[in-house]
Amino acid sequence: MEAYAWTQTDPGSPSPWEAPARPAAGGAGSATGARRRPRPHALRAVLAGGLGLVLALGGAWYALADRTDGSGGAAVPYGEAVGLAEPLREGDCVLADWPGGTRFTGVPRLALDPTCADQAPDGQVMAFVAAASDEEARERGPARCEERTREIRDRLADVRSVAVVPAPQGFEAAGRRTACLVLGAHGPVYGPLGERRRFGAAFADTATMQRRDCLDARSHREARLVPCGGRYDEQVLGFTRLGADVTLAEARTGSDTACAREVPPRDYGFDPSVHEAGSWTSEGSWKSGAHVVVCTVKKRNGGTMEGTE
């Protein structure tokens, strides 16, 4: 766990009302032994208003001082190890650089991929969980993120949940909440996840295909996400893994058979005389060593499917 130093605020210069009064020059006010006249009500009101303004400004200074990192610089939301200068937003796609190159070991250094495509993102911010304090965020944030991301993780083949917890000094800058990320378990996800995918967009990799997705198969190498309420060529049922010794070329010729065996369409209510198993493979899964195959159902005669068929 990353160590953080608590913010220490500087008490600053003496307040204006603590400075010694300067004697007035000339006039009756300078005569010794003279009896002081009571101050008018208006003058007392002005002095009280000025004091209130100074107190308000002092409070604002203290609040801003508490958002620094202890050295006078602005506090980073999640600590120096994570490295982000601004808080994460829902839907942000991230690149994760793990210490020593071992995924899910230590604290990853994060960077954003604004396009969610060009840099082969490792994952995406899917939710946030609020906390009353940075201690609560550290203690409960990871478990709450697991729960908040469970549904999307159950629909994907090879992902894990990661909680990005605010640093003590960055708790306010982070919006008092933990960011819940879903990252590829063995490699990048290559694009947006879940409801942030656009209908009609081609899949850059099978890593973003999820259970019950409906696909428009343009070729053996290109599939697009389409609404299940209309016509489509295939529907994703689940996933299987092939052995470490299976090459991508071998997978592309044998994955239909593996899916028919491991994820048979009849188990999902499809008539075996009308439907058969299909599959999708991608280079990304073989580069990462995951060897995940996406298993689908399709018409035996090559026709389209429709609705909840």
Protein backbone atom coordinates (compact mmCIF):
# COMPACT_ATOMS: atom_id res chain seq x y z
CA MET A 1 0.00 0.00 0.00
CA GLU A 2 1.30 3.44 -0.84
CA ALA A 3 2.36 5.56 2.13
CA TYR A 4 1.01 9.08 2.34
CA ALA A 5 2.04 12.06 4.51
CA TRP A 6 -0.76 13.96 6.19
CA THR A 7 -1.17 17.58 5.15
CA GLN A 8 0.19 20.04 7.70
CA THR A 9 -1.10 23.55 7.37
CA ASP A 10 1.02 26.63 8.21
CA PRO A 11 -0.59 28.86 10.87
CA GLY A 12 0.61 31.83 8.80
CA SER A 13 1.21 35.46 9.82
CA PRO A 14 -0.52 37.09 12.80
CA SER A 15 -4.07 38.17 12.04
CA PRO A 16 -4.60 41.91 11.42
CA TRP A 17 -6.41 42.34 14.70
CA GLU A 18 -3.38 40.92 16.61
CA ALA A 19 -1.02 43.75 15.54
CA PRO A 20 -0.33 46.46 18.21
CA ALA A 21 -2.36 49.63 17.81
CA ARG A 22 -0.50 52.68 16.47
CA PRO A 23 -1.03 55.98 18.35
CA ALA A 24 -3.07 58.57 16.52
CA ALA A 25 -1.28 61.78 15.54
CA GLY A 26 -2.46 65.10 17.00
CA GLY A 27 -5.96 66.20 18.10
CA ALA A 28 -7.84 65.41 21.27
CA GLY A 29 -7.12 61.74 20.93
CA SER A 30 -3.45 62.28 21.80
CA ALA A 31 -4.04 64.19 25.06
CA THR A 32 -3.07 62.16 28.14
CA GLY A 33 -5.61 61.75 30.89
CA ALA A 34 -8.45 62.73 28.56
CA ARG A 35 -11.72 60.87 28.91
CA ARG A 36 -12.53 58.65 25.86
CA ARG A 37 -15.76 59.25 24.09
CA PRO A 38 -17.93 56.20 23.25
CA ARG A 39 -17.63 55.07 19.64
CA PRO A 40 -20.65 55.60 17.45
CA HIS A 41 -22.77 52.50 16.62
CA ALA A 42 -21.92 52.86 12.92
CA LEU A 43 -18.19 52.61 13.63
CA ARG A 44 -18.69 49.51 15.76
CA ALA A 45 -20.72 47.91 12.95
CA VAL A 46 -17.96 48.62 10.42
CA LEU A 47 -15.34 47.09 12.70
CA ALA A 48 -17.50 43.99 13.29
CA GLY A 49 -18.07 43.57 9.55
CA GLY A 50 -14.35 43.85 8.88
CA LEU A 51 -13.61 41.23 11.51
CA GLY A 52 -16.15 38.86 9.96
CA LEU A 53 -14.60 39.32 6.52
CA VAL A 54 -11.13 38.54 7.85
CA LEU A 55 -12.42 35.40 9.56
CA ALA A 56 -14.13 34.27 6.36
CA LEU A 57 -10.99 34.83 4.32
CA GLY A 58 -8.97 32.97 6.93
CA GLY A 59 -11.34 30.01 6.70
CA ALA A 60 -11.08 29.97 2.91
CA TRP A 61 -7.27 30.04 3.16
CA TYR A 62 -7.33 27.10 5.56
CA ALA A 63 -9.61 25.08 3.27
CA LEU A 64 -7.32 25.68 0.30
CA ALA A 65 -4.22 24.95 2.35
CA ASP A 66 -5.68 21.58 3.30
CA ARG A 67 -5.80 20.64 -0.40
CA THR A 68 -2.05 20.87 -0.84
CA ASP A 69 0.42 18.01 -0.72
CA GLY A 70 2.36 19.42 2.23
CA SER A 71 5.00 21.10 0.06
CA GLY A 72 2.76 23.87 -1.24
CA GLY A 73 1.79 22.12 -4.48
CA ALA A 74 -1.72 21.03 -5.41
CA ALA A 75 -2.64 17.59 -4.04
CA VAL A 76 -2.93 14.83 -6.63
CA PRO A 77 -6.20 12.90 -6.20
CA TYR A 78 -4.81 9.37 -5.95
CA GLY A 79 -1.21 9.88 -4.86
CA GLU A 80 2.09 10.19 -6.67
CA ALA A 81 2.27 6.49 -7.59
CA VAL A 82 -0.95 6.63 -9.65
CA GLY A 83 0.22 9.91 -11.14
CA LEU A 84 -3.03 11.49 -12.33
CA ALA A 85 -3.25 15.26 -11.80
CA GLU A 86 -7.04 15.34 -12.25
CA PRO A 87 -9.76 13.07 -10.83
CA LEU A 88 -11.04 10.25 -13.01
CA ARG A 89 -14.45 10.53 -14.66
CA GLU A 90 -16.93 7.78 -15.45
CA GLY A 91 -16.18 6.34 -18.87
CA ASP A 92 -12.50 7.32 -18.87
CA CYS A 93 -10.37 4.73 -20.64
CA VAL A 94 -7.02 4.11 -18.99
CA LEU A 95 -3.60 2.65 -19.62
CA ALA A 96 -2.13 0.85 -16.60
CA ASP A 97 1.62 0.53 -16.06
CA TRP A 98 2.20 -2.02 -13.29
CA PRO A 99 5.35 -2.02 -11.12
CA GLY A 100 7.78 -4.61 -12.46
CA GLY A 101 5.43 -5.36 -15.35
CA THR A 102 3.35 -7.83 -13.30
CA ARG A 103 -0.37 -7.13 -13.65
CA PHE A 104 -2.37 -6.57 -10.46
CA THR A 105 0.73 -6.37 -8.26
CA GLY A 106 1.31 -3.07 -6.48
CA VAL A 107 -0.16 0.29 -7.47
CA PRO A 108 -0.47 0.90 -11.23
CA ARG A 109 0.54 4.20 -12.78
CA LEU A 110 -2.41 5.36 -14.87
CA ALA A 111 -2.69 7.46 -18.01
CA LEU A 112 -5.77 8.32 -20.07
CA ASP A 113 -6.58 7.27 -23.62
CA PRO A 114 -9.02 10.02 -24.68
CA THR A 115 -10.06 8.09 -27.81
CA CYS A 116 -10.59 4.82 -25.92
CA ALA A 117 -9.08 3.07 -28.94
CA ASP A 118 -5.85 4.52 -30.30
CA GLN A 119 -3.59 3.37 -27.46
CA ALA A 120 -5.17 -0.05 -26.78
CA PRO A 121 -6.61 0.86 -23.36
CA ASP A 122 -6.29 -1.61 -20.50
CA GLY A 123 -9.71 -0.81 -19.09
CA GLN A 124 -12.35 1.75 -18.25
CA VAL A 125 -13.85 3.60 -15.27
CA MET A 126 -17.25 1.98 -14.78
CA ALA A 127 -18.50 3.43 -11.47
CA PHE A 128 -17.66 5.40 -8.31
CA VAL A 129 -18.31 4.75 -4.62
CA ALA A 130 -18.49 7.65 -2.16
CA ALA A 131 -16.92 7.70 1.29
CA ALA A 132 -17.11 9.93 4.36
CA SER A 133 -13.33 9.91 4.85
CA ASP A 134 -10.16 8.71 3.17
CA GLU A 135 -9.91 5.95 5.82
CA GLU A 136 -13.35 4.67 4.83
CA ALA A 137 -12.38 4.82 1.16
CA ARG A 138 -9.28 2.69 1.79
CA GLU A 139 -11.10 0.20 3.99
CA ARG A 140 -14.32 -0.24 2.02
CA GLY A 141 -13.64 1.08 -1.47
CA PRO A 142 -12.22 -2.12 -3.03
CA ALA A 143 -15.08 -4.34 -1.81
CA ARG A 144 -17.69 -1.81 -2.89
CA CYS A 145 -16.09 -1.57 -6.33
CA GLU A 146 -16.19 -5.35 -6.64
CA GLU A 147 -19.92 -5.20 -6.02
CA ARG A 148 -20.56 -2.23 -8.32
CA THR A 149 -18.73 -3.87 -11.24
CA ARG A 150 -19.95 -7.43 -10.72
CA GLU A 151 -22.64 -7.34 -13.41
CA ILE A 152 -20.37 -6.11 -16.21
CA ARG A 153 -17.56 -8.45 -15.13
CA ASP A 154 -19.90 -11.43 -15.23
CA ARG A 155 -20.75 -10.61 -18.85
CA LEU A 156 -17.13 -10.31 -20.02
CA ALA A 157 -14.62 -13.09 -20.53
CA ASP A 158 -11.37 -11.98 -18.95
CA VAL A 159 -11.48 -8.89 -16.71
CA ARG A 160 -10.88 -7.86 -13.11
CA SER A 161 -12.01 -5.04 -10.84
CA VAL A 162 -9.53 -2.44 -9.60
CA ALA A 163 -10.33 0.27 -7.03
CA VAL A 164 -8.41 3.54 -7.39
CA VAL A 165 -8.57 4.96 -3.86
CA PRO A 166 -8.01 8.66 -3.06
CA ALA A 167 -4.82 9.61 -1.24
CA PRO A 168 -5.37 11.29 2.15
CA GLN A 169 -4.24 14.67 0.81
CA GLY A 170 -6.20 14.16 -2.41
CA PHE A 171 -9.48 13.00 -0.88
CA GLU A 172 -11.29 16.27 -1.61
CA ALA A 173 -9.65 16.63 -5.03
CA ALA A 174 -10.91 13.13 -5.91
CA GLY A 175 -14.47 14.16 -5.09
CA ARG A 176 -14.49 12.08 -1.87
CA ARG A 177 -14.97 8.87 -3.83
CA THR A 178 -13.14 5.79 -5.09
CA ALA A 179 -13.00 5.10 -8.84
CA CYS A 180 -14.06 1.59 -9.86
CA LEU A 181 -12.17 0.32 -12.91
CA VAL A 182 -12.61 -2.83 -14.96
CA LEU A 183 -9.30 -3.90 -16.51
CA GLY A 184 -8.35 -6.76 -18.79
CA ALA A 185 -7.08 -9.64 -16.64
CA HIS A 186 -4.26 -10.62 -19.00
CA GLY A 187 -4.01 -7.73 -21.46
CA PRO A 188 -5.75 -4.68 -22.95
CA VAL A 189 -9.47 -4.56 -23.64
CA TYR A 190 -8.84 -2.40 -26.75
CA GLY A 191 -11.99 -0.31 -26.46
CA PRO A 192 -15.04 0.80 -24.43
CA LEU A 193 -17.03 -1.65 -22.33
CA GLY A 194 -20.69 -2.32 -21.63
CA GLU A 195 -23.18 0.42 -22.44
CA ARG A 196 -20.43 2.77 -23.60
CA ARG A 197 -20.04 0.80 -26.82
CA ARG A 198 -21.85 2.23 -29.85
CA PHE A 199 -24.23 0.22 -31.99
CA GLY A 200 -22.81 -0.21 -35.46
CA ALA A 201 -19.20 0.03 -34.28
CA ALA A 202 -16.82 -2.74 -35.29
CA PHE A 203 -15.16 -4.70 -32.51
CA ALA A 204 -11.43 -3.94 -32.34
CA ASP A 205 -10.97 -7.16 -30.37
CA THR A 206 -13.11 -9.91 -28.89
CA ALA A 207 -12.16 -8.67 -25.39
CA THR A 208 -15.14 -6.27 -25.39
CA MET A 209 -17.70 -8.84 -26.56
CA GLN A 210 -20.06 -9.77 -23.75
CA ARG A 211 -22.76 -12.34 -23.11
CA ARG A 212 -26.00 -11.76 -25.05
CA ASP A 213 -24.40 -9.30 -27.47
CA CYS A 214 -25.96 -9.46 -30.93
CA LEU A 215 -23.55 -9.35 -33.84
CA ASP A 216 -23.65 -8.34 -37.47
CA ALA A 217 -20.97 -10.56 -39.03
CA ARG A 218 -19.61 -8.65 -42.02
CA SER A 219 -16.92 -11.29 -42.66
CA HIS A 220 -14.97 -13.97 -40.81
CA ARG A 221 -12.79 -11.18 -39.38
CA GLU A 222 -15.24 -8.32 -38.78
CA ALA A 223 -18.24 -8.15 -36.47
CA ARG A 224 -20.31 -5.16 -35.40
CA LEU A 225 -22.49 -4.65 -32.34
CA VAL A 226 -26.19 -4.31 -33.24
CA PRO A 227 -29.43 -4.10 -31.23
CA CYS A 228 -30.96 -7.47 -30.41
CA GLY A 229 -34.43 -6.14 -31.19
CA GLY A 230 -33.74 -6.24 -34.93
CA ARG A 231 -32.05 -8.72 -37.25
CA TYR A 232 -28.58 -10.04 -36.51
CA ASP A 233 -26.30 -12.89 -37.54
CA GLU A 234 -25.07 -14.27 -34.22
CA GLN A 235 -25.59 -13.91 -30.49
CA VAL A 236 -22.87 -14.33 -27.85
CA LEU A 237 -23.63 -17.12 -25.37
CA GLY A 238 -20.41 -17.46 -23.42
CA PHE A 239 -16.69 -18.19 -23.57
CA THR A 240 -14.17 -20.99 -23.46
CA ARG A 241 -10.37 -21.23 -23.32
CA LEU A 242 -8.07 -23.22 -25.52
CA GLY A 243 -4.80 -24.80 -24.45
CA ALA A 244 -1.54 -22.87 -24.20
CA ASP A 245 -0.09 -24.95 -27.04
CA VAL A 246 -2.91 -24.05 -29.47
CA THR A 247 -1.87 -21.49 -32.06
CA LEU A 248 -4.18 -18.74 -33.29
CA ALA A 249 -4.33 -20.38 -36.72
CA GLU A 250 -5.38 -23.67 -35.13
CA ALA A 251 -7.93 -21.87 -32.98
CA ARG A 252 -9.60 -20.29 -35.99
CA THR A 253 -10.26 -23.68 -37.53
CA GLY A 254 -11.14 -25.56 -34.34
CA SER A 255 -12.92 -23.01 -32.15
CA ASP A 256 -16.43 -23.80 -33.47
CA THR A 257 -15.99 -27.39 -32.34
CA ALA A 258 -14.71 -26.28 -28.93
CA CYS A 259 -17.72 -23.99 -28.46
CA ALA A 260 -20.18 -26.69 -29.54
CA ARG A 261 -18.69 -28.89 -26.85
CA GLU A 262 -18.23 -26.35 -24.03
CA VAL A 263 -21.08 -23.86 -24.69
CA PRO A 264 -23.71 -25.83 -26.66
CA PRO A 265 -26.60 -23.65 -27.92
CA ARG A 266 -29.16 -26.26 -26.87
CA ASP A 267 -28.29 -25.48 -23.22
CA TYR A 268 -29.65 -21.98 -23.89
CA GLY A 269 -32.91 -23.16 -25.43
CA PHE A 270 -31.90 -23.14 -29.11
CA ASP A 271 -33.17 -25.92 -31.38
CA PRO A 272 -30.14 -27.98 -32.54
CA SER A 273 -31.89 -28.69 -35.84
CA VAL A 274 -32.06 -24.97 -36.62
CA HIS A 275 -29.10 -23.46 -34.77
CA GLU A 276 -25.42 -24.30 -34.36
CA ALA A 277 -22.41 -23.04 -32.45
CA GLY A 278 -20.22 -20.27 -33.83
CA SER A 279 -17.08 -18.62 -32.47
CA TRP A 280 -14.80 -15.60 -32.61
CA THR A 281 -11.08 -15.40 -31.88
CA SER A 282 -8.65 -12.47 -31.91
CA GLU A 283 -4.94 -11.76 -31.88
CA GLY A 284 -5.18 -9.85 -28.59
CA SER A 285 -6.16 -12.91 -26.60
CA TRP A 286 -3.27 -14.89 -28.07
CA LYS A 287 -0.75 -12.10 -27.49
CA SER A 288 -1.73 -11.95 -23.82
CA GLY A 289 -1.74 -15.74 -23.44
CA ALA A 290 -5.39 -15.85 -22.33
CA HIS A 291 -6.50 -17.92 -25.37
CA VAL A 292 -10.14 -16.95 -24.86
CA VAL A 293 -12.70 -17.90 -27.51
CA VAL A 294 -16.08 -16.14 -27.76
CA CYS A 295 -18.86 -18.68 -28.32
CA THR A 296 -22.00 -17.72 -30.25
CA VAL A 297 -25.14 -19.21 -31.73
CA LYS A 298 -26.13 -18.80 -35.38
CA LYS A 299 -28.50 -20.27 -37.96
CA ARG A 300 -27.40 -23.49 -39.65
CA ASN A 301 -28.61 -22.21 -43.02
CA GLY A 302 -26.66 -18.97 -42.70
CA GLY A 303 -29.79 -16.86 -42.29
CA THR A 304 -30.33 -14.03 -39.85
CA MET A 305 -31.81 -14.26 -36.38
CA GLU A 306 -34.32 -11.87 -34.87
CA GLY A 307 -35.41 -10.67 -31.44
CA THR A 308 -35.32 -13.18 -28.59
CA GLU A 309 -35.19 -16.16 -30.95
